[in-house]
Amino acid sequence: MSSKKRIVDEEGYQTAIDYLTEHAPILDDPLPDPKYDIEKIKKIYAVTEQRIHEYRRGQMLLLHPYLKKIYKAAGVEYQEFK
């Protein structure tokens, strides 16, 4: 995960979800079309999925600040909002 690009709003969140939705069937296909670079899609998919989780955890912190301590103890990343 070399990129630290973050999801900044709900529109970006939806775009990320759409990417996962569109590419999941490609990755799930046991005989993928050779026109797809499966390894590249896997990498982007993994990073996108991680960013979605970080964004949602950050949103949860806005509602429930006590979760920050739990997230840190669990060693999971979250996105901070101001």
N, C-alpha and C. Protein backbone atom coordinates (compact mmCIF):
# COMPACT_ATOMS: atom_id res chain seq x y z
N MET A 1 0.83 -1.18 0.00
CA MET A 1 0.00 0.00 0.00
C MET A 1 0.88 1.25 0.00
N SER A 2 1.37 1.56 -1.11
CA SER A 2 2.28 2.71 -1.19
C SER A 2 1.55 4.04 -1.18
N SER A 3 0.35 4.05 -1.70
CA SER A 3 -0.41 5.30 -1.77
C SER A 3 -1.10 5.58 -0.45
N LYS A 4 -1.06 6.82 -0.02
CA LYS A 4 -1.76 7.22 1.19
C LYS A 4 -2.97 8.07 0.86
N LYS A 5 -3.46 7.95 -0.36
CA LYS A 5 -4.64 8.69 -0.75
C LYS A 5 -5.82 8.26 0.11
N ARG A 6 -6.52 9.22 0.63
CA ARG A 6 -7.64 8.94 1.54
C ARG A 6 -8.97 9.25 0.88
N ILE A 7 -10.01 8.67 1.40
CA ILE A 7 -11.37 9.00 0.98
C ILE A 7 -11.75 10.25 1.77
N VAL A 8 -12.19 11.29 1.08
CA VAL A 8 -12.43 12.57 1.76
C VAL A 8 -13.90 12.86 2.04
N ASP A 9 -14.81 12.19 1.34
CA ASP A 9 -16.22 12.47 1.56
C ASP A 9 -17.05 11.26 1.13
N GLU A 10 -18.36 11.39 1.30
CA GLU A 10 -19.25 10.28 0.97
C GLU A 10 -19.23 9.95 -0.52
N GLU A 11 -19.01 10.95 -1.36
CA GLU A 11 -18.92 10.68 -2.80
C GLU A 11 -17.71 9.81 -3.11
N GLY A 12 -16.58 10.12 -2.48
CA GLY A 12 -15.39 9.30 -2.65
C GLY A 12 -15.58 7.90 -2.10
N TYR A 13 -16.30 7.82 -0.99
CA TYR A 13 -16.62 6.52 -0.39
C TYR A 13 -17.44 5.69 -1.38
N GLN A 14 -18.44 6.31 -1.98
CA GLN A 14 -19.30 5.60 -2.93
C GLN A 14 -18.51 5.17 -4.17
N THR A 15 -17.60 6.01 -4.62
CA THR A 15 -16.75 5.65 -5.76
C THR A 15 -15.91 4.43 -5.43
N ALA A 16 -15.37 4.38 -4.22
CA ALA A 16 -14.57 3.23 -3.79
C ALA A 16 -15.42 1.97 -3.72
N ILE A 17 -16.62 2.08 -3.17
CA ILE A 17 -17.53 0.94 -3.10
C ILE A 17 -17.87 0.45 -4.52
N ASP A 18 -18.11 1.40 -5.40
CA ASP A 18 -18.43 1.04 -6.80
C ASP A 18 -17.27 0.27 -7.44
N TYR A 19 -16.03 0.70 -7.16
CA TYR A 19 -14.87 -0.01 -7.71
C TYR A 19 -14.87 -1.46 -7.24
N LEU A 20 -15.08 -1.66 -5.94
CA LEU A 20 -15.09 -3.03 -5.42
C LEU A 20 -16.20 -3.85 -6.05
N THR A 21 -17.36 -3.25 -6.18
CA THR A 21 -18.52 -3.94 -6.75
C THR A 21 -18.27 -4.34 -8.20
N GLU A 22 -17.64 -3.47 -8.96
CA GLU A 22 -17.38 -3.74 -10.37
C GLU A 22 -16.28 -4.79 -10.57
N HIS A 23 -15.29 -4.78 -9.68
CA HIS A 23 -14.13 -5.65 -9.90
C HIS A 23 -14.18 -6.98 -9.15
N ALA A 24 -15.06 -7.11 -8.19
CA ALA A 24 -15.17 -8.38 -7.45
C ALA A 24 -15.48 -9.56 -8.37
N PRO A 25 -16.42 -9.42 -9.31
CA PRO A 25 -16.69 -10.56 -10.20
C PRO A 25 -15.48 -10.95 -11.06
N ILE A 26 -14.68 -9.98 -11.42
CA ILE A 26 -13.48 -10.27 -12.22
C ILE A 26 -12.51 -11.12 -11.40
N LEU A 27 -12.32 -10.74 -10.14
CA LEU A 27 -11.41 -11.48 -9.27
C LEU A 27 -11.98 -12.84 -8.86
N ASP A 28 -13.29 -12.94 -8.84
CA ASP A 28 -13.95 -14.17 -8.41
C ASP A 28 -14.01 -15.21 -9.54
N ASP A 29 -13.80 -14.78 -10.75
CA ASP A 29 -13.90 -15.67 -11.91
C ASP A 29 -12.72 -16.65 -11.92
N PRO A 30 -13.00 -17.96 -11.92
CA PRO A 30 -11.89 -18.93 -11.93
C PRO A 30 -11.10 -18.94 -13.24
N LEU A 31 -11.73 -18.46 -14.32
CA LEU A 31 -11.05 -18.37 -15.61
C LEU A 31 -11.16 -16.93 -16.11
N PRO A 32 -10.38 -16.02 -15.52
CA PRO A 32 -10.52 -14.60 -15.87
C PRO A 32 -10.12 -14.31 -17.31
N ASP A 33 -10.75 -13.31 -17.84
CA ASP A 33 -10.44 -12.85 -19.20
C ASP A 33 -8.99 -12.35 -19.20
N PRO A 34 -8.18 -12.79 -20.16
CA PRO A 34 -6.77 -12.38 -20.21
C PRO A 34 -6.57 -10.88 -20.43
N LYS A 35 -7.62 -10.17 -20.83
CA LYS A 35 -7.46 -8.73 -21.05
C LYS A 35 -7.29 -7.97 -19.73
N TYR A 36 -7.63 -8.62 -18.60
CA TYR A 36 -7.49 -7.98 -17.30
C TYR A 36 -6.14 -8.30 -16.68
N ASP A 37 -5.54 -7.29 -16.07
CA ASP A 37 -4.31 -7.49 -15.30
C ASP A 37 -4.74 -7.82 -13.87
N ILE A 38 -4.92 -9.10 -13.61
CA ILE A 38 -5.47 -9.56 -12.33
C ILE A 38 -4.62 -9.12 -11.14
N GLU A 39 -3.32 -9.19 -11.27
CA GLU A 39 -2.46 -8.79 -10.15
C GLU A 39 -2.63 -7.31 -9.82
N LYS A 40 -2.73 -6.49 -10.84
CA LYS A 40 -2.94 -5.05 -10.63
C LYS A 40 -4.30 -4.80 -9.97
N ILE A 41 -5.32 -5.47 -10.45
CA ILE A 41 -6.66 -5.31 -9.87
C ILE A 41 -6.65 -5.76 -8.42
N LYS A 42 -5.96 -6.86 -8.10
CA LYS A 42 -5.88 -7.35 -6.72
C LYS A 42 -5.24 -6.30 -5.80
N LYS A 43 -4.17 -5.68 -6.26
CA LYS A 43 -3.48 -4.67 -5.45
C LYS A 43 -4.37 -3.45 -5.21
N ILE A 44 -4.99 -2.96 -6.27
CA ILE A 44 -5.86 -1.80 -6.14
C ILE A 44 -7.07 -2.14 -5.27
N TYR A 45 -7.59 -3.32 -5.44
CA TYR A 45 -8.75 -3.77 -4.66
C TYR A 45 -8.40 -3.79 -3.17
N ALA A 46 -7.24 -4.34 -2.83
CA ALA A 46 -6.83 -4.43 -1.43
C ALA A 46 -6.65 -3.05 -0.81
N VAL A 47 -6.00 -2.15 -1.54
CA VAL A 47 -5.79 -0.79 -1.03
C VAL A 47 -7.14 -0.07 -0.87
N THR A 48 -8.00 -0.21 -1.85
CA THR A 48 -9.31 0.43 -1.79
C THR A 48 -10.11 -0.09 -0.61
N GLU A 49 -10.08 -1.38 -0.41
CA GLU A 49 -10.79 -1.98 0.71
C GLU A 49 -10.27 -1.45 2.04
N GLN A 50 -8.95 -1.33 2.16
CA GLN A 50 -8.34 -0.80 3.38
C GLN A 50 -8.78 0.64 3.62
N ARG A 51 -8.78 1.45 2.57
CA ARG A 51 -9.18 2.86 2.70
C ARG A 51 -10.64 2.99 3.12
N ILE A 52 -11.49 2.10 2.61
CA ILE A 52 -12.90 2.11 2.99
C ILE A 52 -13.03 1.84 4.50
N HIS A 53 -12.30 0.85 4.98
CA HIS A 53 -12.36 0.53 6.41
C HIS A 53 -11.85 1.70 7.26
N GLU A 54 -10.75 2.31 6.83
CA GLU A 54 -10.20 3.45 7.57
C GLU A 54 -11.20 4.61 7.61
N TYR A 55 -11.84 4.87 6.49
CA TYR A 55 -12.82 5.95 6.41
C TYR A 55 -13.99 5.69 7.36
N ARG A 56 -14.52 4.49 7.31
CA ARG A 56 -15.67 4.15 8.16
C ARG A 56 -15.29 4.18 9.64
N ARG A 57 -14.09 3.70 9.97
CA ARG A 57 -13.66 3.78 11.37
C ARG A 57 -13.56 5.23 11.82
N GLY A 58 -13.04 6.09 10.95
CA GLY A 58 -12.96 7.51 11.26
C GLY A 58 -14.33 8.13 11.46
N GLN A 59 -15.29 7.73 10.63
CA GLN A 59 -16.66 8.20 10.79
C GLN A 59 -17.25 7.74 12.13
N MET A 60 -16.94 6.51 12.51
CA MET A 60 -17.42 6.00 13.80
C MET A 60 -16.81 6.78 14.97
N LEU A 61 -15.57 7.22 14.81
CA LEU A 61 -14.93 8.01 15.87
C LEU A 61 -15.64 9.34 16.10
N LEU A 62 -16.22 9.90 15.04
CA LEU A 62 -16.96 11.15 15.21
C LEU A 62 -18.17 10.95 16.10
N LEU A 63 -18.78 9.79 16.02
CA LEU A 63 -19.96 9.48 16.83
C LEU A 63 -19.59 8.91 18.20
N HIS A 64 -18.52 8.12 18.23
CA HIS A 64 -18.13 7.41 19.44
C HIS A 64 -16.62 7.57 19.68
N PRO A 65 -16.20 8.69 20.26
CA PRO A 65 -14.76 8.96 20.44
C PRO A 65 -14.02 7.89 21.25
N TYR A 66 -14.70 7.18 22.13
CA TYR A 66 -14.05 6.15 22.95
C TYR A 66 -13.46 5.02 22.09
N LEU A 67 -13.92 4.89 20.85
CA LEU A 67 -13.41 3.84 19.97
C LEU A 67 -11.94 4.03 19.62
N LYS A 68 -11.45 5.25 19.72
CA LYS A 68 -10.04 5.52 19.38
C LYS A 68 -9.11 4.63 20.20
N LYS A 69 -9.40 4.52 21.47
CA LYS A 69 -8.58 3.69 22.36
C LYS A 69 -8.65 2.22 21.92
N ILE A 70 -9.82 1.77 21.54
CA ILE A 70 -10.02 0.39 21.11
C ILE A 70 -9.29 0.14 19.79
N TYR A 71 -9.41 1.07 18.86
CA TYR A 71 -8.72 0.93 17.57
C TYR A 71 -7.20 0.85 17.75
N LYS A 72 -6.69 1.72 18.63
CA LYS A 72 -5.24 1.71 18.88
C LYS A 72 -4.81 0.40 19.51
N ALA A 73 -5.58 -0.09 20.47
CA ALA A 73 -5.25 -1.36 21.13
C ALA A 73 -5.29 -2.52 20.14
N ALA A 74 -6.22 -2.45 19.21
CA ALA A 74 -6.35 -3.51 18.21
C ALA A 74 -5.33 -3.38 17.09
N GLY A 75 -4.68 -2.22 17.00
CA GLY A 75 -3.68 -2.00 15.96
C GLY A 75 -4.25 -1.78 14.58
N VAL A 76 -5.49 -1.27 14.53
CA VAL A 76 -6.09 -0.99 13.23
C VAL A 76 -5.98 0.50 12.91
N GLU A 77 -5.87 0.79 11.63
CA GLU A 77 -5.76 2.18 11.21
C GLU A 77 -7.13 2.79 11.04
N TYR A 78 -7.19 4.09 11.23
CA TYR A 78 -8.43 4.84 11.05
C TYR A 78 -8.09 6.20 10.50
N GLN A 79 -9.05 6.81 9.91
CA GLN A 79 -8.86 8.13 9.30
C GLN A 79 -9.38 9.17 10.29
N GLU A 80 -8.59 10.20 10.52
CA GLU A 80 -9.02 11.25 11.44
C GLU A 80 -9.66 12.39 10.67
N PHE A 81 -10.78 12.85 11.21
CA PHE A 81 -11.51 13.97 10.64
C PHE A 81 -11.48 15.12 11.63
N LYS A 82 -11.53 16.34 11.10
CA LYS A 82 -11.50 17.50 11.99
C LYS A 82 -12.85 18.13 12.08
